[in-house]
PDB file of N, CA and C in Angstrom:
ATOM      1  N   MET A   1       7.322  -0.405 -23.297  1.00  0.00           N
ATOM      2  CA  MET A   1       8.107  -0.307 -22.091  1.00  0.00           C
ATOM      3  C   MET A   1       8.890  -1.610 -21.896  1.00  0.00           C
ATOM      4  N   SER A   2      10.142  -1.502 -21.515  1.00  0.00           N
ATOM      5  CA  SER A   2      10.963  -2.688 -21.287  1.00  0.00           C
ATOM      6  C   SER A   2      10.653  -3.296 -19.913  1.00  0.00           C
ATOM      7  N   ARG A   3      11.099  -4.515 -19.739  1.00  0.00           N
ATOM      8  CA  ARG A   3      10.902  -5.177 -18.444  1.00  0.00           C
ATOM      9  C   ARG A   3      11.556  -4.368 -17.330  1.00  0.00           C
ATOM     10  N   ILE A   4      12.729  -3.833 -17.576  1.00  0.00           N
ATOM     11  CA  ILE A   4      13.424  -3.042 -16.555  1.00  0.00           C
ATOM     12  C   ILE A   4      12.593  -1.816 -16.169  1.00  0.00           C
ATOM     13  N   GLU A   5      11.946  -1.203 -17.141  1.00  0.00           N
ATOM     14  CA  GLU A   5      11.082  -0.050 -16.845  1.00  0.00           C
ATOM     15  C   GLU A   5       9.859  -0.489 -16.033  1.00  0.00           C
ATOM     16  N   HIS A   6       9.325  -1.655 -16.331  1.00  0.00           N
ATOM     17  CA  HIS A   6       8.186  -2.172 -15.558  1.00  0.00           C
ATOM     18  C   HIS A   6       8.606  -2.482 -14.122  1.00  0.00           C
ATOM     19  N   VAL A   7       9.798  -3.043 -13.970  1.00  0.00           N
ATOM     20  CA  VAL A   7      10.321  -3.325 -12.624  1.00  0.00           C
ATOM     21  C   VAL A   7      10.490  -2.021 -11.855  1.00  0.00           C
ATOM     22  N   ALA A   8      11.022  -1.004 -12.512  1.00  0.00           N
ATOM     23  CA  ALA A   8      11.208   0.296 -11.860  1.00  0.00           C
ATOM     24  C   ALA A   8       9.869   0.893 -11.446  1.00  0.00           C
ATOM     25  N   ARG A   9       8.853   0.754 -12.278  1.00  0.00           N
ATOM     26  CA  ARG A   9       7.517   1.268 -11.956  1.00  0.00           C
ATOM     27  C   ARG A   9       6.941   0.546 -10.745  1.00  0.00           C
ATOM     28  N   LEU A  10       7.065  -0.785 -10.728  1.00  0.00           N
ATOM     29  CA  LEU A  10       6.581  -1.557  -9.590  1.00  0.00           C
ATOM     30  C   LEU A  10       7.305  -1.125  -8.317  1.00  0.00           C
ATOM     31  N   ALA A  11       8.613  -0.967  -8.394  1.00  0.00           N
ATOM     32  CA  ALA A  11       9.398  -0.543  -7.227  1.00  0.00           C
ATOM     33  C   ALA A  11       8.936   0.825  -6.727  1.00  0.00           C
ATOM     34  N   GLU A  12       8.683   1.728  -7.651  1.00  0.00           N
ATOM     35  CA  GLU A  12       8.205   3.068  -7.282  1.00  0.00           C
ATOM     36  C   GLU A  12       6.876   2.988  -6.539  1.00  0.00           C
ATOM     37  N   GLN A  13       5.979   2.160  -7.039  1.00  0.00           N
ATOM     38  CA  GLN A  13       4.676   1.997  -6.394  1.00  0.00           C
ATOM     39  C   GLN A  13       4.827   1.373  -5.008  1.00  0.00           C
ATOM     40  N   MET A  14       5.653   0.346  -4.908  1.00  0.00           N
ATOM     41  CA  MET A  14       5.843  -0.312  -3.617  1.00  0.00           C
ATOM     42  C   MET A  14       6.503   0.629  -2.618  1.00  0.00           C
ATOM     43  N   HIS A  15       7.498   1.368  -3.067  1.00  0.00           N
ATOM     44  CA  HIS A  15       8.181   2.313  -2.178  1.00  0.00           C
ATOM     45  C   HIS A  15       7.204   3.385  -1.689  1.00  0.00           C
ATOM     46  N   SER A  16       6.369   3.869  -2.590  1.00  0.00           N
ATOM     47  CA  SER A  16       5.386   4.890  -2.227  1.00  0.00           C
ATOM     48  C   SER A  16       4.413   4.360  -1.168  1.00  0.00           C
ATOM     49  N   LEU A  17       3.919   3.155  -1.378  1.00  0.00           N
ATOM     50  CA  LEU A  17       3.005   2.560  -0.398  1.00  0.00           C
ATOM     51  C   LEU A  17       3.708   2.336   0.937  1.00  0.00           C
ATOM     52  N   LYS A  18       4.923   1.833   0.904  1.00  0.00           N
ATOM     53  CA  LYS A  18       5.670   1.566   2.131  1.00  0.00           C
ATOM     54  C   LYS A  18       5.913   2.856   2.901  1.00  0.00           C
ATOM     55  N   SER A  19       6.239   3.929   2.194  1.00  0.00           N
ATOM     56  CA  SER A  19       6.560   5.195   2.860  1.00  0.00           C
ATOM     57  C   SER A  19       5.349   5.824   3.540  1.00  0.00           C
ATOM     58  N   ARG A  20       4.143   5.411   3.168  1.00  0.00           N
ATOM     59  CA  ARG A  20       2.934   5.927   3.824  1.00  0.00           C
ATOM     60  C   ARG A  20       2.692   5.269   5.170  1.00  0.00           C
ATOM     61  N   THR A  21       3.371   4.167   5.411  1.00  0.00           N
ATOM     62  CA  THR A  21       3.200   3.482   6.693  1.00  0.00           C
ATOM     63  C   THR A  21       4.265   3.971   7.653  1.00  0.00           C
ATOM     64  N   ASN A  22       4.080   3.699   8.901  1.00  0.00           N
ATOM     65  CA  ASN A  22       5.114   3.995   9.898  1.00  0.00           C
ATOM     66  C   ASN A  22       5.842   2.714  10.273  1.00  0.00           C
ATOM     67  N   ARG A  23       5.821   1.755   9.382  1.00  0.00           N
ATOM     68  CA  ARG A  23       6.420   0.450   9.650  1.00  0.00           C
ATOM     69  C   ARG A  23       7.779   0.327   8.977  1.00  0.00           C
ATOM     70  N   SER A  24       8.651  -0.403   9.636  1.00  0.00           N
ATOM     71  CA  SER A  24       9.976  -0.666   9.082  1.00  0.00           C
ATOM     72  C   SER A  24       9.875  -1.764   8.027  1.00  0.00           C
ATOM     73  N   TYR A  25      10.935  -1.899   7.240  1.00  0.00           N
ATOM     74  CA  TYR A  25      10.993  -3.002   6.289  1.00  0.00           C
ATOM     75  C   TYR A  25      10.865  -4.325   7.037  1.00  0.00           C
ATOM     76  N   ALA A  26      11.548  -4.440   8.169  1.00  0.00           N
ATOM     77  CA  ALA A  26      11.518  -5.686   8.948  1.00  0.00           C
ATOM     78  C   ALA A  26      10.102  -6.011   9.418  1.00  0.00           C
ATOM     79  N   SER A  27       9.383  -5.009   9.897  1.00  0.00           N
ATOM     80  CA  SER A  27       8.023  -5.223  10.385  1.00  0.00           C
ATOM     81  C   SER A  27       7.092  -5.659   9.257  1.00  0.00           C
ATOM     82  N   LEU A  28       7.144  -4.965   8.126  1.00  0.00           N
ATOM     83  CA  LEU A  28       6.301  -5.336   6.989  1.00  0.00           C
ATOM     84  C   LEU A  28       6.690  -6.714   6.461  1.00  0.00           C
ATOM     85  N   ALA A  29       7.982  -6.940   6.329  1.00  0.00           N
ATOM     86  CA  ALA A  29       8.461  -8.205   5.773  1.00  0.00           C
ATOM     87  C   ALA A  29       7.997  -9.384   6.612  1.00  0.00           C
ATOM     88  N   ARG A  30       8.098  -9.247   7.908  1.00  0.00           N
ATOM     89  CA  ARG A  30       7.673 -10.318   8.815  1.00  0.00           C
ATOM     90  C   ARG A  30       6.199 -10.644   8.584  1.00  0.00           C
ATOM     91  N   ARG A  31       5.395  -9.622   8.404  1.00  0.00           N
ATOM     92  CA  ARG A  31       3.946  -9.828   8.234  1.00  0.00           C
ATOM     93  C   ARG A  31       3.574 -10.410   6.872  1.00  0.00           C
ATOM     94  N   ILE A  32       4.417 -10.165   5.859  1.00  0.00           N
ATOM     95  CA  ILE A  32       4.078 -10.700   4.533  1.00  0.00           C
ATOM     96  C   ILE A  32       4.840 -11.978   4.198  1.00  0.00           C
ATOM     97  N   GLY A  33       5.742 -12.364   5.092  1.00  0.00           N
ATOM     98  CA  GLY A  33       6.410 -13.649   4.918  1.00  0.00           C
ATOM     99  C   GLY A  33       7.643 -13.644   4.038  1.00  0.00           C
ATOM    100  N   VAL A  34       8.363 -12.521   4.001  1.00  0.00           N
ATOM    101  CA  VAL A  34       9.632 -12.449   3.278  1.00  0.00           C
ATOM    102  C   VAL A  34      10.680 -11.837   4.204  1.00  0.00           C
ATOM    103  N   SER A  35      11.929 -11.886   3.794  1.00  0.00           N
ATOM    104  CA  SER A  35      12.970 -11.249   4.598  1.00  0.00           C
ATOM    105  C   SER A  35      12.936  -9.738   4.372  1.00  0.00           C
ATOM    106  N   SER A  36      13.445  -8.996   5.331  1.00  0.00           N
ATOM    107  CA  SER A  36      13.472  -7.539   5.178  1.00  0.00           C
ATOM    108  C   SER A  36      14.373  -7.145   4.017  1.00  0.00           C
ATOM    109  N   SER A  37      15.453  -7.901   3.779  1.00  0.00           N
ATOM    110  CA  SER A  37      16.327  -7.564   2.651  1.00  0.00           C
ATOM    111  C   SER A  37      15.608  -7.792   1.321  1.00  0.00           C
ATOM    112  N   SER A  38      14.784  -8.831   1.241  1.00  0.00           N
ATOM    113  CA  SER A  38      14.001  -9.055   0.012  1.00  0.00           C
ATOM    114  C   SER A  38      13.030  -7.913  -0.224  1.00  0.00           C
ATOM    115  N   LEU A  39      12.302  -7.515   0.809  1.00  0.00           N
ATOM    116  CA  LEU A  39      11.354  -6.411   0.660  1.00  0.00           C
ATOM    117  C   LEU A  39      12.069  -5.135   0.253  1.00  0.00           C
ATOM    118  N   HIS A  40      13.218  -4.885   0.830  1.00  0.00           N
ATOM    119  CA  HIS A  40      13.990  -3.706   0.478  1.00  0.00           C
ATOM    120  C   HIS A  40      14.412  -3.766  -0.990  1.00  0.00           C
ATOM    121  N   ARG A  41      14.822  -4.934  -1.466  1.00  0.00           N
ATOM    122  CA  ARG A  41      15.196  -5.085  -2.887  1.00  0.00           C
ATOM    123  C   ARG A  41      13.991  -4.842  -3.792  1.00  0.00           C
ATOM    124  N   TYR A  42      12.803  -5.309  -3.383  1.00  0.00           N
ATOM    125  CA  TYR A  42      11.606  -5.060  -4.197  1.00  0.00           C
ATOM    126  C   TYR A  42      11.336  -3.563  -4.314  1.00  0.00           C
ATOM    127  N   CYS A  43      11.464  -2.854  -3.214  1.00  0.00           N
ATOM    128  CA  CYS A  43      11.171  -1.417  -3.187  1.00  0.00           C
ATOM    129  C   CYS A  43      12.255  -0.580  -3.859  1.00  0.00           C
ATOM    130  N   ARG A  44      13.418  -1.169  -4.106  1.00  0.00           N
ATOM    131  CA  ARG A  44      14.499  -0.476  -4.829  1.00  0.00           C
ATOM    132  C   ARG A  44      14.551  -0.894  -6.289  1.00  0.00           C
ATOM    133  N   GLY A  45      13.744  -1.858  -6.690  1.00  0.00           N
ATOM    134  CA  GLY A  45      13.723  -2.305  -8.075  1.00  0.00           C
ATOM    135  C   GLY A  45      14.842  -3.260  -8.429  1.00  0.00           C
ATOM    136  N   GLU A  46      15.412  -3.900  -7.419  1.00  0.00           N
ATOM    137  CA  GLU A  46      16.494  -4.846  -7.671  1.00  0.00           C
ATOM    138  C   GLU A  46      15.990  -6.267  -7.880  1.00  0.00           C
ATOM    139  N   SER A  47      14.781  -6.533  -7.475  1.00  0.00           N
ATOM    140  CA  SER A  47      14.142  -7.825  -7.723  1.00  0.00           C
ATOM    141  C   SER A  47      12.634  -7.642  -7.656  1.00  0.00           C
ATOM    142  N   VAL A  48      11.934  -8.689  -8.054  1.00  0.00           N
ATOM    143  CA  VAL A  48      10.471  -8.670  -8.132  1.00  0.00           C
ATOM    144  C   VAL A  48       9.945  -9.848  -7.308  1.00  0.00           C
ATOM    145  N   PRO A  49       8.891  -9.656  -6.531  1.00  0.00           N
ATOM    146  CA  PRO A  49       8.331 -10.788  -5.786  1.00  0.00           C
ATOM    147  C   PRO A  49       7.978 -11.936  -6.728  1.00  0.00           C
ATOM    148  N   ASP A  50       8.379 -13.136  -6.363  1.00  0.00           N
ATOM    149  CA  ASP A  50       8.055 -14.318  -7.176  1.00  0.00           C
ATOM    150  C   ASP A  50       6.578 -14.656  -7.096  1.00  0.00           C
ATOM    151  N   SER A  51       5.973 -14.322  -5.975  1.00  0.00           N
ATOM    152  CA  SER A  51       4.597 -14.719  -5.699  1.00  0.00           C
ATOM    153  C   SER A  51       3.676 -13.497  -5.651  1.00  0.00           C
ATOM    154  N   PHE A  52       2.545 -13.624  -6.329  1.00  0.00           N
ATOM    155  CA  PHE A  52       1.546 -12.560  -6.247  1.00  0.00           C
ATOM    156  C   PHE A  52       1.038 -12.404  -4.825  1.00  0.00           C
ATOM    157  N   GLU A  53       1.002 -13.508  -4.077  1.00  0.00           N
ATOM    158  CA  GLU A  53       0.510 -13.471  -2.701  1.00  0.00           C
ATOM    159  C   GLU A  53       1.322 -12.498  -1.849  1.00  0.00           C
ATOM    160  N   VAL A  54       2.624 -12.435  -2.069  1.00  0.00           N
ATOM    161  CA  VAL A  54       3.484 -11.475  -1.347  1.00  0.00           C
ATOM    162  C   VAL A  54       3.008 -10.056  -1.637  1.00  0.00           C
ATOM    163  N   LEU A  55       2.756  -9.774  -2.890  1.00  0.00           N
ATOM    164  CA  LEU A  55       2.302  -8.436  -3.285  1.00  0.00           C
ATOM    165  C   LEU A  55       0.926  -8.129  -2.714  1.00  0.00           C
ATOM    166  N   ARG A  56       0.055  -9.119  -2.706  1.00  0.00           N
ATOM    167  CA  ARG A  56      -1.296  -8.924  -2.164  1.00  0.00           C
ATOM    168  C   ARG A  56      -1.228  -8.562  -0.680  1.00  0.00           C
ATOM    169  N   ARG A  57      -0.448  -9.319   0.081  1.00  0.00           N
ATOM    170  CA  ARG A  57      -0.299  -9.022   1.511  1.00  0.00           C
ATOM    171  C   ARG A  57       0.332  -7.653   1.730  1.00  0.00           C
ATOM    172  N   PHE A  58       1.333  -7.332   0.928  1.00  0.00           N
ATOM    173  CA  PHE A  58       2.001  -6.033   1.039  1.00  0.00           C
ATOM    174  C   PHE A  58       1.006  -4.894   0.805  1.00  0.00           C
ATOM    175  N   GLY A  59       0.240  -4.985  -0.268  1.00  0.00           N
ATOM    176  CA  GLY A  59      -0.741  -3.950  -0.577  1.00  0.00           C
ATOM    177  C   GLY A  59      -1.767  -3.774   0.524  1.00  0.00           C
ATOM    178  N   ARG A  60      -2.232  -4.875   1.068  1.00  0.00           N
ATOM    179  CA  ARG A  60      -3.218  -4.829   2.148  1.00  0.00           C
ATOM    180  C   ARG A  60      -2.623  -4.155   3.394  1.00  0.00           C
ATOM    181  N   LEU A  61      -1.413  -4.560   3.784  1.00  0.00           N
ATOM    182  CA  LEU A  61      -0.771  -3.977   4.979  1.00  0.00           C
ATOM    183  C   LEU A  61      -0.474  -2.488   4.827  1.00  0.00           C
ATOM    184  N   CYS A  62      -0.198  -2.081   3.591  1.00  0.00           N
ATOM    185  CA  CYS A  62       0.128  -0.670   3.351  1.00  0.00           C
ATOM    186  C   CYS A  62      -1.106   0.179   3.074  1.00  0.00           C
ATOM    187  N   GLY A  63      -2.276  -0.426   3.078  1.00  0.00           N
ATOM    188  CA  GLY A  63      -3.512   0.321   2.884  1.00  0.00           C
ATOM    189  C   GLY A  63      -3.743   0.790   1.460  1.00  0.00           C
ATOM    190  N   ALA A  64      -3.322  -0.010   0.492  1.00  0.00           N
ATOM    191  CA  ALA A  64      -3.534   0.361  -0.912  1.00  0.00           C
ATOM    192  C   ALA A  64      -5.027   0.462  -1.206  1.00  0.00           C
ATOM    193  N   SER A  65      -5.413   1.513  -1.904  1.00  0.00           N
ATOM    194  CA  SER A  65      -6.802   1.653  -2.343  1.00  0.00           C
ATOM    195  C   SER A  65      -7.062   0.617  -3.436  1.00  0.00           C
ATOM    196  N   PRO A  66      -8.321   0.358  -3.766  1.00  0.00           N
ATOM    197  CA  PRO A  66      -8.602  -0.589  -4.856  1.00  0.00           C
ATOM    198  C   PRO A  66      -7.915  -0.195  -6.165  1.00  0.00           C
ATOM    199  N   GLU A  67      -7.883   1.095  -6.461  1.00  0.00           N
ATOM    200  CA  GLU A  67      -7.229   1.570  -7.686  1.00  0.00           C
ATOM    201  C   GLU A  67      -5.719   1.339  -7.616  1.00  0.00           C
ATOM    202  N   GLU A  68      -5.127   1.645  -6.463  1.00  0.00           N
ATOM    203  CA  GLU A  68      -3.686   1.426  -6.292  1.00  0.00           C
ATOM    204  C   GLU A  68      -3.358  -0.060  -6.389  1.00  0.00           C
ATOM    205  N   PHE A  69      -4.211  -0.894  -5.814  1.00  0.00           N
ATOM    206  CA  PHE A  69      -3.968  -2.321  -5.860  1.00  0.00           C
ATOM    207  C   PHE A  69      -4.076  -2.851  -7.286  1.00  0.00           C
ATOM    208  N   SER A  70      -5.029  -2.344  -8.046  1.00  0.00           N
ATOM    209  CA  SER A  70      -5.157  -2.752  -9.452  1.00  0.00           C
ATOM    210  C   SER A  70      -3.911  -2.380 -10.237  1.00  0.00           C
ATOM    211  N   GLU A  71      -3.422  -1.185 -10.031  1.00  0.00           N
ATOM    212  CA  GLU A  71      -2.214  -0.736 -10.727  1.00  0.00           C
ATOM    213  C   GLU A  71      -0.996  -1.544 -10.276  1.00  0.00           C
ATOM    214  N   LEU A  72      -0.905  -1.818  -8.989  1.00  0.00           N
ATOM    215  CA  LEU A  72       0.180  -2.639  -8.451  1.00  0.00           C
ATOM    216  C   LEU A  72       0.147  -4.033  -9.085  1.00  0.00           C
ATOM    217  N   THR A  73      -1.035  -4.591  -9.218  1.00  0.00           N
ATOM    218  CA  THR A  73      -1.205  -5.909  -9.832  1.00  0.00           C
ATOM    219  C   THR A  73      -0.749  -5.894 -11.286  1.00  0.00           C
ATOM    220  N   ARG A  74      -1.166  -4.877 -12.039  1.00  0.00           N
ATOM    221  CA  ARG A  74      -0.752  -4.767 -13.438  1.00  0.00           C
ATOM    222  C   ARG A  74       0.763  -4.615 -13.546  1.00  0.00           C
ATOM    223  N   SER A  75       1.319  -3.780 -12.694  1.00  0.00           N
ATOM    224  CA  SER A  75       2.769  -3.573 -12.721  1.00  0.00           C
ATOM    225  C   SER A  75       3.514  -4.860 -12.405  1.00  0.00           C
ATOM    226  N   TRP A  76       3.027  -5.606 -11.405  1.00  0.00           N
ATOM    227  CA  TRP A  76       3.673  -6.866 -11.054  1.00  0.00           C
ATOM    228  C   TRP A  76       3.617  -7.846 -12.227  1.00  0.00           C
ATOM    229  N   ALA A  77       2.456  -7.946 -12.862  1.00  0.00           N
ATOM    230  CA  ALA A  77       2.297  -8.877 -13.992  1.00  0.00           C
ATOM    231  C   ALA A  77       3.270  -8.538 -15.110  1.00  0.00           C
ATOM    232  N   ARG A  78       3.468  -7.266 -15.375  1.00  0.00           N
ATOM    233  CA  ARG A  78       4.388  -6.839 -16.429  1.00  0.00           C
ATOM    234  C   ARG A  78       5.848  -7.012 -16.024  1.00  0.00           C
ATOM    235  N   ALA A  79       6.129  -6.788 -14.756  1.00  0.00           N
ATOM    236  CA  ALA A  79       7.517  -6.835 -14.278  1.00  0.00           C
ATOM    237  C   ALA A  79       7.987  -8.233 -13.940  1.00  0.00           C
ATOM    238  N   SER A  80       7.056  -9.114 -13.583  1.00  0.00           N
ATOM    239  CA  SER A  80       7.469 -10.409 -13.036  1.00  0.00           C
ATOM    240  C   SER A  80       8.231 -11.268 -14.032  1.00  0.00           C
ATOM    241  N   GLY A  81       7.844 -11.268 -15.276  1.00  0.00           N
ATOM    242  CA  GLY A  81       8.565 -12.093 -16.252  1.00  0.00           C
ATOM    243  C   GLY A  81       8.911 -13.439 -15.652  1.00  0.00           C
ATOM    244  N   SER A  82      10.198 -13.690 -15.513  1.00  0.00           N
ATOM    245  CA  SER A  82      10.637 -14.948 -14.903  1.00  0.00           C
ATOM    246  C   SER A  82      10.738 -14.821 -13.392  1.00  0.00           C
ATOM    247  N   GLY A  83      10.593 -13.597 -12.854  1.00  0.00           N
ATOM    248  CA  GLY A  83      10.719 -13.383 -11.421  1.00  0.00           C
ATOM    249  C   GLY A  83      12.161 -13.356 -10.948  1.00  0.00           C
ATOM    250  N   ALA A  84      13.094 -13.341 -11.903  1.00  0.00           N
ATOM    251  CA  ALA A  84      14.509 -13.383 -11.550  1.00  0.00           C
ATOM    252  C   ALA A  84      15.012 -12.030 -11.073  1.00  0.00           C
ATOM    253  N   ARG A  85      16.106 -12.075 -10.351  1.00  0.00           N
ATOM    254  CA  ARG A  85      16.775 -10.866  -9.872  1.00  0.00           C
ATOM    255  C   ARG A  85      17.208 -10.021 -11.065  1.00  0.00           C
ATOM    256  N   ILE A  86      17.050  -8.721 -10.942  1.00  0.00           N
ATOM    257  CA  ILE A  86      17.426  -7.786 -11.996  1.00  0.00           C
ATOM    258  C   ILE A  86      18.833  -7.296 -11.732  1.00  0.00           C
ATOM    259  N   GLY A  87      19.629  -7.190 -12.782  1.00  0.00           N
ATOM    260  CA  GLY A  87      20.961  -6.579 -12.652  1.00  0.00           C
ATOM    261  C   GLY A  87      22.087  -7.488 -12.468  1.00  0.00           C
TER     262      GLY A  87
END
């Protein structure tokens, strides 16, 4: 799988978790310490969180199960590469 495919997988997982909440991007972003535009880019696969801590907080706020969190962690590790913006 290419890095772009890993980024897309991570975005899909993040979008799925976000959609289960009744929270806006702004509300989630504020709680995890990023801008709402950054969180939106992560969920669209346009960029990857530079910090694992951002992903950890996001997963916790969205109620990720232990299995979902493990998969999210693996996806982030594969997608993060340099952590640079995609595209």
